[in-house]
Amino acid sequence: MAGKLMHALQYDSYGGGAAGLKHVEVPVPSAKKDEVLIKLEATSLNPYDMKIQKGVARPFLPRSFPYIPSIDIAGEVVAVGPGVENFKTGDKVVAVLSASSGGGLAEFAVAKKSLSVARPPEISAAEAAGLPIAGLPAYEALTQCAGVKLDGSGNRKNILITAASGGVGHYAVQLAKLGNTYVTATCGARNIEFVKSLGADEVLDYKTPEGAALKSPSGKKYDAVIHCVRAPGIPWSTFEPNLSENGKVIHLTPGPSAMITFAVKKLTFSKKQLIPLIVTPNGEKLKHLVHLVKEGKLKTVIDSKHPLSKAEDAWAKGIDGHATGKIIVEA
């Protein structure tokens, strides 16, 4: 592939939104040690991608400009670097790219072998591409922080999932229902039936007084809240009266106020805790999610599909923030 060019979208500075994305022809990257070169079939967009463009992670992300955004990809291995023995040319995979270097909105991308997972033929590229950055936080929040066992064993837990129709939320509802849980969920009025179809036991319209107060219609107190709402979000004072004695709020998009609440609750030995969750992509956990999709226990709901030639439309939809499920760009 040396010397070959590929189509990609990149931006040259912070800000700019969808208009800041430029269609370019750039050299196809090459696989170095422990890396695989993937011909992309699909990539998914996450709110995280738009945050990086806005500059919320500066000066750490992106590492340099120009920057090709998006890090959730699925496609076919077309070359392997030295030290790669678990993949070969022709293998179908799903992978997570490095956030510092990005690369997903392109025809080819390079991924670490440790963050690449075989994709069974039963799972489409679009379904697989939706999994990593949305599925992994849902998985970790439930299994590691909330203590939910996905085999259905363990004590019954009452779980609240906010923004349950979005990328992370729609996975969280499905994963929670694999465990011994009673799930209350919040979403907009138009998505109530959709969230019920994912398995939620009761659903609140977040714009109603009851929904804004997060009160369970059946009077449940929550053992854990999987909080998927983007900042500024919901204050601790709204969560606290709805939590069980040892209830915890697992915050998936923690801002400064969430970090302060976390510290105060720790320092005062409060039984009720706020836990900021920062997820590091993990190949073994991604493999487990892929297995659940293969078994039909988890599904990626696709909001919309866009060709790479119109990826700026997908980006604009992501900025809007009201996608139901995942936004997919197909190469």
C-alpha atoms as a PDB file:
ATOM      1  CA  MET A   1       0.000   0.000   0.000  1.00  0.00           C
ATOM      2  CA  ALA A   2       3.071   2.237   0.174  1.00  0.00           C
ATOM      3  CA  GLY A   3       2.494   5.426  -1.785  1.00  0.00           C
ATOM      4  CA  LYS A   4      -1.215   4.758  -2.289  1.00  0.00           C
ATOM      5  CA  LEU A   5      -3.695   7.530  -1.438  1.00  0.00           C
ATOM      6  CA  MET A   6      -7.043   7.206   0.330  1.00  0.00           C
ATOM      7  CA  HIS A   7     -10.098   9.387   0.868  1.00  0.00           C
ATOM      8  CA  ALA A   8     -10.519  10.770   4.400  1.00  0.00           C
ATOM      9  CA  LEU A   9     -12.103  13.615   6.354  1.00  0.00           C
ATOM     10  CA  GLN A  10     -10.018  15.751   8.661  1.00  0.00           C
ATOM     11  CA  TYR A  11     -10.038  19.072  10.493  1.00  0.00           C
ATOM     12  CA  ASP A  12      -7.148  21.488  10.888  1.00  0.00           C
ATOM     13  CA  SER A  13      -8.055  23.299  14.109  1.00  0.00           C
ATOM     14  CA  TYR A  14     -10.419  23.240  17.067  1.00  0.00           C
ATOM     15  CA  GLY A  15     -14.063  24.163  16.481  1.00  0.00           C
ATOM     16  CA  GLY A  16     -15.888  24.487  13.186  1.00  0.00           C
ATOM     17  CA  GLY A  17     -18.463  21.714  13.618  1.00  0.00           C
ATOM     18  CA  ALA A  18     -19.476  19.810  10.495  1.00  0.00           C
ATOM     19  CA  ALA A  19     -18.242  22.668   8.288  1.00  0.00           C
ATOM     20  CA  GLY A  20     -14.768  22.198   9.771  1.00  0.00           C
ATOM     21  CA  LEU A  21     -14.435  18.735   8.223  1.00  0.00           C
ATOM     22  CA  LYS A  22     -12.498  18.704   4.947  1.00  0.00           C
ATOM     23  CA  HIS A  23     -12.491  15.940   2.324  1.00  0.00           C
ATOM     24  CA  VAL A  24      -8.867  15.099   1.492  1.00  0.00           C
ATOM     25  CA  GLU A  25      -6.666  12.526  -0.218  1.00  0.00           C
ATOM     26  CA  VAL A  26      -3.902  11.351   2.122  1.00  0.00           C
ATOM     27  CA  PRO A  27      -1.410   8.460   2.124  1.00  0.00           C
ATOM     28  CA  VAL A  28      -2.671   5.072   3.310  1.00  0.00           C
ATOM     29  CA  PRO A  29      -1.039   4.399   6.721  1.00  0.00           C
ATOM     30  CA  SER A  30       1.197   1.364   7.154  1.00  0.00           C
ATOM     31  CA  ALA A  31       1.005  -1.266   9.907  1.00  0.00           C
ATOM     32  CA  LYS A  32       3.950  -1.123  12.289  1.00  0.00           C
ATOM     33  CA  LYS A  33       4.912  -3.628  14.999  1.00  0.00           C
ATOM     34  CA  ASP A  34       1.850  -5.218  16.654  1.00  0.00           C
ATOM     35  CA  GLU A  35      -0.539  -3.338  14.351  1.00  0.00           C
ATOM     36  CA  VAL A  36      -3.017  -4.297  11.631  1.00  0.00           C
ATOM     37  CA  LEU A  37      -4.035  -2.241   8.595  1.00  0.00           C
ATOM     38  CA  ILE A  38      -7.805  -2.344   8.152  1.00  0.00           C
ATOM     39  CA  LYS A  39      -9.853  -1.484   5.061  1.00  0.00           C
ATOM     40  CA  LEU A  40     -12.833   0.193   6.655  1.00  0.00           C
ATOM     41  CA  GLU A  41     -16.403  -0.896   6.041  1.00  0.00           C
ATOM     42  CA  ALA A  42     -17.998   1.169   8.826  1.00  0.00           C
ATOM     43  CA  THR A  43     -17.168   3.605  11.597  1.00  0.00           C
ATOM     44  CA  SER A  44     -19.448   4.991  14.295  1.00  0.00           C
ATOM     45  CA  LEU A  45     -19.557   8.493  15.698  1.00  0.00           C
ATOM     46  CA  ASN A  46     -19.680   9.262  19.416  1.00  0.00           C
ATOM     47  CA  PRO A  47     -20.304  12.502  21.370  1.00  0.00           C
ATOM     48  CA  TYR A  48     -16.671  12.077  22.437  1.00  0.00           C
ATOM     49  CA  ASP A  49     -15.592  12.791  18.831  1.00  0.00           C
ATOM     50  CA  MET A  50     -17.367  16.155  18.797  1.00  0.00           C
ATOM     51  CA  LYS A  51     -15.941  17.042  22.229  1.00  0.00           C
ATOM     52  CA  ILE A  52     -12.403  16.535  20.908  1.00  0.00           C
ATOM     53  CA  GLN A  53     -13.142  18.863  17.989  1.00  0.00           C
ATOM     54  CA  LYS A  54     -14.540  21.482  20.401  1.00  0.00           C
ATOM     55  CA  GLY A  55     -11.252  21.384  22.299  1.00  0.00           C
ATOM     56  CA  VAL A  56     -12.460  20.039  25.651  1.00  0.00           C
ATOM     57  CA  ALA A  57      -9.423  17.745  25.867  1.00  0.00           C
ATOM     58  CA  ARG A  58      -6.826  20.280  24.742  1.00  0.00           C
ATOM     59  CA  PRO A  59      -3.858  20.271  24.898  1.00  0.00           C
ATOM     60  CA  PHE A  60      -3.865  16.450  25.098  1.00  0.00           C
ATOM     61  CA  LEU A  61      -6.232  15.618  22.217  1.00  0.00           C
ATOM     62  CA  PRO A  62      -5.769  15.626  19.373  1.00  0.00           C
ATOM     63  CA  ARG A  63      -2.031  15.127  19.516  1.00  0.00           C
ATOM     64  CA  SER A  64      -1.561  17.155  16.348  1.00  0.00           C
ATOM     65  CA  PHE A  65      -3.387  18.694  13.384  1.00  0.00           C
ATOM     66  CA  PRO A  66      -4.608  17.851  10.823  1.00  0.00           C
ATOM     67  CA  TYR A  67      -6.704  15.216  12.627  1.00  0.00           C
ATOM     68  CA  ILE A  68      -8.893  12.459  11.147  1.00  0.00           C
ATOM     69  CA  PRO A  69     -11.628  11.900  13.761  1.00  0.00           C
ATOM     70  CA  SER A  70     -13.526   8.802  14.976  1.00  0.00           C
ATOM     71  CA  ILE A  71     -12.035   5.740  16.660  1.00  0.00           C
ATOM     72  CA  ASP A  72     -14.714   2.975  16.456  1.00  0.00           C
ATOM     73  CA  ILE A  73     -14.199   0.967  13.267  1.00  0.00           C
ATOM     74  CA  ALA A  74     -15.061  -2.315  11.567  1.00  0.00           C
ATOM     75  CA  GLY A  75     -13.590  -3.731   8.398  1.00  0.00           C
ATOM     76  CA  GLU A  76     -11.183  -6.220   6.845  1.00  0.00           C
ATOM     77  CA  VAL A  77      -7.518  -6.762   7.614  1.00  0.00           C
ATOM     78  CA  VAL A  78      -5.443  -6.038   4.494  1.00  0.00           C
ATOM     79  CA  ALA A  79      -1.937  -6.127   6.040  1.00  0.00           C
ATOM     80  CA  VAL A  80      -0.306  -7.037   9.346  1.00  0.00           C
ATOM     81  CA  GLY A  81       2.804  -5.604  10.971  1.00  0.00           C
ATOM     82  CA  PRO A  82       5.645  -7.549  12.607  1.00  0.00           C
ATOM     83  CA  GLY A  83       4.585  -9.457  15.705  1.00  0.00           C
ATOM     84  CA  VAL A  84       0.956  -9.982  14.652  1.00  0.00           C
ATOM     85  CA  GLU A  85       0.080 -13.675  14.726  1.00  0.00           C
ATOM     86  CA  ASN A  86      -3.601 -13.651  15.699  1.00  0.00           C
ATOM     87  CA  PHE A  87      -4.814 -11.921  12.524  1.00  0.00           C
ATOM     88  CA  LYS A  88      -4.195 -12.435   8.813  1.00  0.00           C
ATOM     89  CA  THR A  89      -5.181 -10.729   5.580  1.00  0.00           C
ATOM     90  CA  GLY A  90      -8.885 -11.202   4.915  1.00  0.00           C
ATOM     91  CA  ASP A  91      -9.984 -11.384   8.560  1.00  0.00           C
ATOM     92  CA  LYS A  92     -13.058  -9.339   9.486  1.00  0.00           C
ATOM     93  CA  VAL A  93     -12.534  -7.291  12.646  1.00  0.00           C
ATOM     94  CA  VAL A  94     -13.891  -4.577  14.919  1.00  0.00           C
ATOM     95  CA  ALA A  95     -11.307  -2.300  16.517  1.00  0.00           C
ATOM     96  CA  VAL A  96     -10.719   0.796  18.650  1.00  0.00           C
ATOM     97  CA  LEU A  97      -8.180   3.303  17.382  1.00  0.00           C
ATOM     98  CA  SER A  98      -5.971   5.551  19.490  1.00  0.00           C
ATOM     99  CA  ALA A  99      -7.838   8.745  20.454  1.00  0.00           C
ATOM    100  CA  SER A 100      -4.628  10.747  20.161  1.00  0.00           C
ATOM    101  CA  SER A 101      -4.153   9.897  16.497  1.00  0.00           C
ATOM    102  CA  GLY A 102      -7.758   9.064  15.439  1.00  0.00           C
ATOM    103  CA  GLY A 103      -8.238   7.833  11.885  1.00  0.00           C
ATOM    104  CA  GLY A 104     -11.784   6.426  11.605  1.00  0.00           C
ATOM    105  CA  LEU A 105     -13.257   8.705   8.942  1.00  0.00           C
ATOM    106  CA  ALA A 106     -11.126   7.237   6.168  1.00  0.00           C
ATOM    107  CA  GLU A 107     -10.899   4.296   3.791  1.00  0.00           C
ATOM    108  CA  PHE A 108      -8.047   2.659   5.750  1.00  0.00           C
ATOM    109  CA  ALA A 109      -6.851   2.808   9.356  1.00  0.00           C
ATOM    110  CA  VAL A 110      -4.211   1.195  11.547  1.00  0.00           C
ATOM    111  CA  ALA A 111      -5.186  -0.443  14.849  1.00  0.00           C
ATOM    112  CA  LYS A 112      -3.279  -2.192  17.630  1.00  0.00           C
ATOM    113  CA  LYS A 113      -3.682  -5.965  17.580  1.00  0.00           C
ATOM    114  CA  SER A 114      -4.627  -5.856  21.290  1.00  0.00           C
ATOM    115  CA  LEU A 115      -7.590  -3.569  20.523  1.00  0.00           C
ATOM    116  CA  SER A 116      -8.780  -5.523  17.474  1.00  0.00           C
ATOM    117  CA  VAL A 117     -11.338  -8.321  17.813  1.00  0.00           C
ATOM    118  CA  ALA A 118     -12.496 -10.914  15.295  1.00  0.00           C
ATOM    119  CA  ARG A 119     -15.949 -10.175  13.886  1.00  0.00           C
ATOM    120  CA  PRO A 120     -18.153 -13.221  13.232  1.00  0.00           C
ATOM    121  CA  PRO A 121     -20.067 -13.314   9.923  1.00  0.00           C
ATOM    122  CA  GLU A 122     -23.356 -13.030  11.849  1.00  0.00           C
ATOM    123  CA  ILE A 123     -22.485  -9.446  12.806  1.00  0.00           C
ATOM    124  CA  SER A 124     -22.520  -6.694  10.183  1.00  0.00           C
ATOM    125  CA  ALA A 125     -19.779  -4.088  10.028  1.00  0.00           C
ATOM    126  CA  ALA A 126     -22.250  -1.361  11.066  1.00  0.00           C
ATOM    127  CA  GLU A 127     -23.443  -3.335  14.111  1.00  0.00           C
ATOM    128  CA  ALA A 128     -19.873  -4.039  15.183  1.00  0.00           C
ATOM    129  CA  ALA A 129     -18.625  -0.479  14.675  1.00  0.00           C
ATOM    130  CA  GLY A 130     -21.223   0.782  17.135  1.00  0.00           C
ATOM    131  CA  LEU A 131     -19.892  -1.293  20.015  1.00  0.00           C
ATOM    132  CA  PRO A 132     -16.562  -0.035  21.409  1.00  0.00           C
ATOM    133  CA  ILE A 133     -16.836   3.504  22.794  1.00  0.00           C
ATOM    134  CA  ALA A 134     -20.566   3.206  23.606  1.00  0.00           C
ATOM    135  CA  GLY A 135     -20.745  -0.454  24.645  1.00  0.00           C
ATOM    136  CA  LEU A 136     -17.644  -0.627  26.851  1.00  0.00           C
ATOM    137  CA  PRO A 137     -18.704   2.152  29.297  1.00  0.00           C
ATOM    138  CA  ALA A 138     -22.150   0.547  29.654  1.00  0.00           C
ATOM    139  CA  TYR A 139     -20.513  -2.838  30.289  1.00  0.00           C
ATOM    140  CA  GLU A 140     -17.995  -1.511  32.838  1.00  0.00           C
ATOM    141  CA  ALA A 141     -20.515   0.675  34.669  1.00  0.00           C
ATOM    142  CA  LEU A 142     -22.862  -2.255  35.193  1.00  0.00           C
ATOM    143  CA  THR A 143     -20.432  -5.095  35.870  1.00  0.00           C
ATOM    144  CA  GLN A 144     -17.582  -3.354  37.701  1.00  0.00           C
ATOM    145  CA  CYS A 145     -19.258  -0.394  39.411  1.00  0.00           C
ATOM    146  CA  ALA A 146     -22.854  -1.544  39.942  1.00  0.00           C
ATOM    147  CA  GLY A 147     -21.967  -5.208  40.545  1.00  0.00           C
ATOM    148  CA  VAL A 148     -24.495  -6.592  38.053  1.00  0.00           C
ATOM    149  CA  LYS A 149     -23.778 -10.167  36.959  1.00  0.00           C
ATOM    150  CA  LEU A 150     -24.729 -10.642  33.308  1.00  0.00           C
ATOM    151  CA  ASP A 151     -25.587 -14.315  33.842  1.00  0.00           C
ATOM    152  CA  GLY A 152     -28.621 -13.271  35.900  1.00  0.00           C
ATOM    153  CA  SER A 153     -27.239 -14.431  39.245  1.00  0.00           C
ATOM    154  CA  GLY A 154     -26.766 -12.305  42.366  1.00  0.00           C
ATOM    155  CA  ASN A 155     -29.131 -10.144  44.382  1.00  0.00           C
ATOM    156  CA  ARG A 156     -31.806  -8.197  42.518  1.00  0.00           C
ATOM    157  CA  LYS A 157     -30.809  -4.581  41.907  1.00  0.00           C
ATOM    158  CA  ASN A 158     -32.861  -1.548  40.988  1.00  0.00           C
ATOM    159  CA  ILE A 159     -31.062   0.343  38.221  1.00  0.00           C
ATOM    160  CA  LEU A 160     -31.799   3.762  36.707  1.00  0.00           C
ATOM    161  CA  ILE A 161     -30.395   4.488  33.244  1.00  0.00           C
ATOM    162  CA  THR A 162     -30.546   8.092  32.007  1.00  0.00           C
ATOM    163  CA  ALA A 163     -30.559   9.019  28.288  1.00  0.00           C
ATOM    164  CA  ALA A 164     -31.519   5.409  27.623  1.00  0.00           C
ATOM    165  CA  SER A 165     -32.244   5.841  23.901  1.00  0.00           C
ATOM    166  CA  GLY A 166     -28.747   7.088  23.050  1.00  0.00           C
ATOM    167  CA  GLY A 167     -25.606   5.208  22.072  1.00  0.00           C
ATOM    168  CA  VAL A 168     -24.418   4.218  25.557  1.00  0.00           C
ATOM    169  CA  GLY A 169     -27.886   4.121  27.092  1.00  0.00           C
ATOM    170  CA  HIS A 170     -29.424   1.659  24.644  1.00  0.00           C
ATOM    171  CA  TYR A 171     -26.596  -0.811  25.304  1.00  0.00           C
ATOM    172  CA  ALA A 172     -26.876  -0.232  29.075  1.00  0.00           C
ATOM    173  CA  VAL A 173     -30.574  -1.138  29.142  1.00  0.00           C
ATOM    174  CA  GLN A 174     -29.973  -4.385  27.252  1.00  0.00           C
ATOM    175  CA  LEU A 175     -26.948  -5.387  29.333  1.00  0.00           C
ATOM    176  CA  ALA A 176     -28.717  -4.551  32.612  1.00  0.00           C
ATOM    177  CA  LYS A 177     -31.622  -6.819  31.689  1.00  0.00           C
ATOM    178  CA  LEU A 178     -29.222  -9.748  31.244  1.00  0.00           C
ATOM    179  CA  GLY A 179     -28.674  -9.404  34.986  1.00  0.00           C
ATOM    180  CA  ASN A 180     -31.081  -9.772  37.907  1.00  0.00           C
ATOM    181  CA  THR A 181     -32.321  -6.179  37.688  1.00  0.00           C
ATOM    182  CA  TYR A 182     -35.376  -3.968  37.623  1.00  0.00           C
ATOM    183  CA  VAL A 183     -34.621  -1.171  35.143  1.00  0.00           C
ATOM    184  CA  THR A 184     -36.059   2.327  35.192  1.00  0.00           C
ATOM    185  CA  ALA A 185     -34.999   4.467  32.238  1.00  0.00           C
ATOM    186  CA  THR A 186     -35.302   8.069  31.060  1.00  0.00           C
ATOM    187  CA  CYS A 187     -35.606   9.350  27.500  1.00  0.00           C
ATOM    188  CA  GLY A 188     -37.634  11.762  25.364  1.00  0.00           C
ATOM    189  CA  ALA A 189     -41.337  11.099  24.763  1.00  0.00           C
ATOM    190  CA  ARG A 190     -40.790   9.911  21.187  1.00  0.00           C
ATOM    191  CA  ASN A 191     -38.492   7.108  22.343  1.00  0.00           C
ATOM    192  CA  ILE A 192     -40.484   5.666  25.255  1.00  0.00           C
ATOM    193  CA  GLU A 193     -41.783   2.643  23.328  1.00  0.00           C
ATOM    194  CA  PHE A 194     -38.348   2.053  21.820  1.00  0.00           C
ATOM    195  CA  VAL A 195     -36.700   1.948  25.264  1.00  0.00           C
ATOM    196  CA  LYS A 196     -39.421  -0.396  26.541  1.00  0.00           C
ATOM    197  CA  SER A 197     -38.680  -2.665  23.571  1.00  0.00           C
ATOM    198  CA  LEU A 198     -35.052  -2.879  24.754  1.00  0.00           C
ATOM    199  CA  GLY A 199     -36.312  -4.365  28.021  1.00  0.00           C
ATOM    200  CA  ALA A 200     -36.752  -1.420  30.417  1.00  0.00           C
ATOM    201  CA  ASP A 201     -39.364  -2.180  33.095  1.00  0.00           C
ATOM    202  CA  GLU A 202     -40.504   1.436  33.423  1.00  0.00           C
ATOM    203  CA  VAL A 203     -39.657   4.525  31.368  1.00  0.00           C
ATOM    204  CA  LEU A 204     -39.808   8.204  32.298  1.00  0.00           C
ATOM    205  CA  ASP A 205     -40.142  11.128  29.886  1.00  0.00           C
ATOM    206  CA  TYR A 206     -37.336  13.381  31.126  1.00  0.00           C
ATOM    207  CA  LYS A 207     -39.326  16.511  30.273  1.00  0.00           C
ATOM    208  CA  THR A 208     -42.198  15.739  32.675  1.00  0.00           C
ATOM    209  CA  PRO A 209     -42.002  16.770  36.362  1.00  0.00           C
ATOM    210  CA  GLU A 210     -41.719  13.104  37.400  1.00  0.00           C
ATOM    211  CA  GLY A 211     -39.036  12.458  34.806  1.00  0.00           C
ATOM    212  CA  ALA A 212     -37.041  15.541  35.763  1.00  0.00           C
ATOM    213  CA  ALA A 213     -37.202  14.415  39.413  1.00  0.00           C
ATOM    214  CA  LEU A 214     -36.105  10.860  38.378  1.00  0.00           C
ATOM    215  CA  LYS A 215     -38.859   9.360  40.558  1.00  0.00           C
ATOM    216  CA  SER A 216     -39.561   5.682  39.898  1.00  0.00           C
ATOM    217  CA  PRO A 217     -43.268   5.230  38.982  1.00  0.00           C
ATOM    218  CA  SER A 218     -43.306   2.099  41.178  1.00  0.00           C
ATOM    219  CA  GLY A 219     -41.578   3.827  44.085  1.00  0.00           C
ATOM    220  CA  LYS A 220     -38.230   2.037  43.703  1.00  0.00           C
ATOM    221  CA  LYS A 221     -35.042   3.419  45.224  1.00  0.00           C
ATOM    222  CA  TYR A 222     -32.072   2.943  42.940  1.00  0.00           C
ATOM    223  CA  ASP A 223     -29.082   0.815  43.918  1.00  0.00           C
ATOM    224  CA  ALA A 224     -27.185   2.268  40.965  1.00  0.00           C
ATOM    225  CA  VAL A 225     -27.695   4.993  38.376  1.00  0.00           C
ATOM    226  CA  ILE A 226     -25.961   4.633  35.011  1.00  0.00           C
ATOM    227  CA  HIS A 227     -25.805   8.316  34.138  1.00  0.00           C
ATOM    228  CA  CYS A 228     -25.365   8.823  30.398  1.00  0.00           C
ATOM    229  CA  VAL A 229     -26.624  12.408  30.043  1.00  0.00           C
ATOM    230  CA  ARG A 230     -24.165  14.888  28.557  1.00  0.00           C
ATOM    231  CA  ALA A 231     -23.042  17.870  30.642  1.00  0.00           C
ATOM    232  CA  PRO A 232     -24.372  19.978  32.298  1.00  0.00           C
ATOM    233  CA  GLY A 233     -26.628  17.057  33.152  1.00  0.00           C
ATOM    234  CA  ILE A 234     -28.432  16.495  36.450  1.00  0.00           C
ATOM    235  CA  PRO A 235     -27.350  17.801  39.878  1.00  0.00           C
ATOM    236  CA  TRP A 236     -26.538  15.484  42.792  1.00  0.00           C
ATOM    237  CA  SER A 237     -29.464  16.950  44.736  1.00  0.00           C
ATOM    238  CA  THR A 238     -31.847  15.350  42.214  1.00  0.00           C
ATOM    239  CA  PHE A 239     -30.208  11.926  42.458  1.00  0.00           C
ATOM    240  CA  GLU A 240     -29.732  11.693  46.229  1.00  0.00           C
ATOM    241  CA  PRO A 241     -33.349  11.288  47.426  1.00  0.00           C
ATOM    242  CA  ASN A 242     -33.918   8.566  44.809  1.00  0.00           C
ATOM    243  CA  LEU A 243     -30.963   6.392  45.865  1.00  0.00           C
ATOM    244  CA  SER A 244     -31.116   3.376  48.173  1.00  0.00           C
ATOM    245  CA  GLU A 245     -29.095   3.502  51.413  1.00  0.00           C
ATOM    246  CA  ASN A 246     -25.870   2.499  49.629  1.00  0.00           C
ATOM    247  CA  GLY A 247     -26.879   3.741  46.185  1.00  0.00           C
ATOM    248  CA  LYS A 248     -24.328   5.062  43.741  1.00  0.00           C
ATOM    249  CA  VAL A 249     -24.398   7.276  40.671  1.00  0.00           C
ATOM    250  CA  ILE A 250     -21.974   6.098  37.985  1.00  0.00           C
ATOM    251  CA  HIS A 251     -21.251   9.170  35.875  1.00  0.00           C
ATOM    252  CA  LEU A 252     -20.102   8.355  32.336  1.00  0.00           C
ATOM    253  CA  THR A 253     -19.408  11.959  31.257  1.00  0.00           C
ATOM    254  CA  PRO A 254     -18.064  13.551  34.452  1.00  0.00           C
ATOM    255  CA  GLY A 255     -17.357  17.270  34.427  1.00  0.00           C
ATOM    256  CA  PRO A 256     -15.795  19.453  37.154  1.00  0.00           C
ATOM    257  CA  SER A 257     -18.953  19.493  39.334  1.00  0.00           C
ATOM    258  CA  ALA A 258     -19.160  15.692  39.241  1.00  0.00           C
ATOM    259  CA  MET A 259     -15.526  15.411  40.312  1.00  0.00           C
ATOM    260  CA  ILE A 260     -16.160  17.772  43.234  1.00  0.00           C
ATOM    261  CA  THR A 261     -19.187  15.718  44.347  1.00  0.00           C
ATOM    262  CA  PHE A 262     -17.113  12.542  44.064  1.00  0.00           C
ATOM    263  CA  ALA A 263     -14.419  14.019  46.322  1.00  0.00           C
ATOM    264  CA  VAL A 264     -16.880  15.365  48.907  1.00  0.00           C
ATOM    265  CA  LYS A 265     -18.727  12.041  49.166  1.00  0.00           C
ATOM    266  CA  LYS A 266     -15.429  10.186  49.593  1.00  0.00           C
ATOM    267  CA  LEU A 267     -14.060  12.588  52.193  1.00  0.00           C
ATOM    268  CA  THR A 268     -17.268  12.533  54.250  1.00  0.00           C
ATOM    269  CA  PHE A 269     -17.564   8.718  54.075  1.00  0.00           C
ATOM    270  CA  SER A 270     -21.047   9.034  52.629  1.00  0.00           C
ATOM    271  CA  LYS A 271     -22.849   5.721  51.988  1.00  0.00           C
ATOM    272  CA  LYS A 272     -24.246   7.260  48.811  1.00  0.00           C
ATOM    273  CA  GLN A 273     -21.485   7.767  46.267  1.00  0.00           C
ATOM    274  CA  LEU A 274     -20.868   9.385  42.905  1.00  0.00           C
ATOM    275  CA  ILE A 275     -18.380   7.425  40.796  1.00  0.00           C
ATOM    276  CA  PRO A 276     -16.809   9.132  37.762  1.00  0.00           C
ATOM    277  CA  LEU A 277     -16.135   6.425  35.179  1.00  0.00           C
ATOM    278  CA  ILE A 278     -13.269   6.918  32.747  1.00  0.00           C
ATOM    279  CA  VAL A 279     -13.022   3.900  30.457  1.00  0.00           C
ATOM    280  CA  THR A 280      -9.814   2.637  28.897  1.00  0.00           C
ATOM    281  CA  PRO A 281     -10.611   0.491  25.820  1.00  0.00           C
ATOM    282  CA  ASN A 282      -9.991  -3.196  26.473  1.00  0.00           C
ATOM    283  CA  GLY A 283      -9.814  -5.905  23.816  1.00  0.00           C
ATOM    284  CA  GLU A 284     -11.014  -8.752  26.056  1.00  0.00           C
ATOM    285  CA  LYS A 285     -14.098  -6.827  27.163  1.00  0.00           C
ATOM    286  CA  LEU A 286     -14.833  -5.845  23.569  1.00  0.00           C
ATOM    287  CA  LYS A 287     -14.580  -9.534  22.652  1.00  0.00           C
ATOM    288  CA  HIS A 288     -17.225 -10.299  25.288  1.00  0.00           C
ATOM    289  CA  LEU A 289     -19.567  -7.684  23.818  1.00  0.00           C
ATOM    290  CA  VAL A 290     -19.070  -9.114  20.319  1.00  0.00           C
ATOM    291  CA  HIS A 291     -19.915 -12.565  21.726  1.00  0.00           C
ATOM    292  CA  LEU A 292     -23.142 -11.234  23.265  1.00  0.00           C
ATOM    293  CA  VAL A 293     -24.148  -9.733  19.904  1.00  0.00           C
ATOM    294  CA  LYS A 294     -23.397 -13.024  18.159  1.00  0.00           C
ATOM    295  CA  GLU A 295     -25.591 -14.858  20.686  1.00  0.00           C
ATOM    296  CA  GLY A 296     -28.459 -12.429  20.080  1.00  0.00           C
ATOM    297  CA  LYS A 297     -28.341 -11.098  23.659  1.00  0.00           C
ATOM    298  CA  LEU A 298     -27.233  -7.607  22.627  1.00  0.00           C
ATOM    299  CA  LYS A 299     -27.945  -5.547  19.539  1.00  0.00           C
ATOM    300  CA  THR A 300     -26.730  -2.298  18.036  1.00  0.00           C
ATOM    301  CA  VAL A 301     -29.646  -0.072  17.118  1.00  0.00           C
ATOM    302  CA  ILE A 302     -28.662   2.134  14.188  1.00  0.00           C
ATOM    303  CA  ASP A 303     -30.047   5.656  14.076  1.00  0.00           C
ATOM    304  CA  SER A 304     -28.780   6.400  10.570  1.00  0.00           C
ATOM    305  CA  LYS A 305     -26.180   5.415   7.987  1.00  0.00           C
ATOM    306  CA  HIS A 306     -24.168   7.864   5.903  1.00  0.00           C
ATOM    307  CA  PRO A 307     -21.588   7.276   3.148  1.00  0.00           C
ATOM    308  CA  LEU A 308     -18.050   8.525   3.784  1.00  0.00           C
ATOM    309  CA  SER A 309     -18.630  11.067   0.998  1.00  0.00           C
ATOM    310  CA  LYS A 310     -21.374  12.640   3.190  1.00  0.00           C
ATOM    311  CA  ALA A 311     -19.775  12.094   6.602  1.00  0.00           C
ATOM    312  CA  GLU A 312     -20.275  15.770   7.479  1.00  0.00           C
ATOM    313  CA  ASP A 313     -24.041  15.064   7.557  1.00  0.00           C
ATOM    314  CA  ALA A 314     -23.436  12.330  10.122  1.00  0.00           C
ATOM    315  CA  TRP A 315     -21.241  14.744  12.104  1.00  0.00           C
ATOM    316  CA  ALA A 316     -23.996  17.394  12.132  1.00  0.00           C
ATOM    317  CA  LYS A 317     -26.471  14.792  13.373  1.00  0.00           C
ATOM    318  CA  GLY A 318     -24.049  13.841  16.136  1.00  0.00           C
ATOM    319  CA  ILE A 319     -23.704  17.472  17.223  1.00  0.00           C
ATOM    320  CA  ASP A 320     -27.506  17.739  17.385  1.00  0.00           C
ATOM    321  CA  GLY A 321     -27.389  15.122  20.153  1.00  0.00           C
ATOM    322  CA  HIS A 322     -30.746  13.403  19.638  1.00  0.00           C
ATOM    323  CA  ALA A 323     -29.754  10.204  17.853  1.00  0.00           C
ATOM    324  CA  THR A 324     -31.649   7.038  18.736  1.00  0.00           C
ATOM    325  CA  GLY A 325     -28.891   4.445  18.950  1.00  0.00           C
ATOM    326  CA  LYS A 326     -25.757   4.809  16.828  1.00  0.00           C
ATOM    327  CA  ILE A 327     -24.769   7.039  13.884  1.00  0.00           C
ATOM    328  CA  ILE A 328     -22.800   5.031  11.314  1.00  0.00           C
ATOM    329  CA  VAL A 329     -20.543   6.148   8.443  1.00  0.00           C
ATOM    330  CA  GLU A 330     -19.923   3.531   5.763  1.00  0.00           C
ATOM    331  CA  ALA A 331     -16.745   3.553   3.707  1.00  0.00           C
END
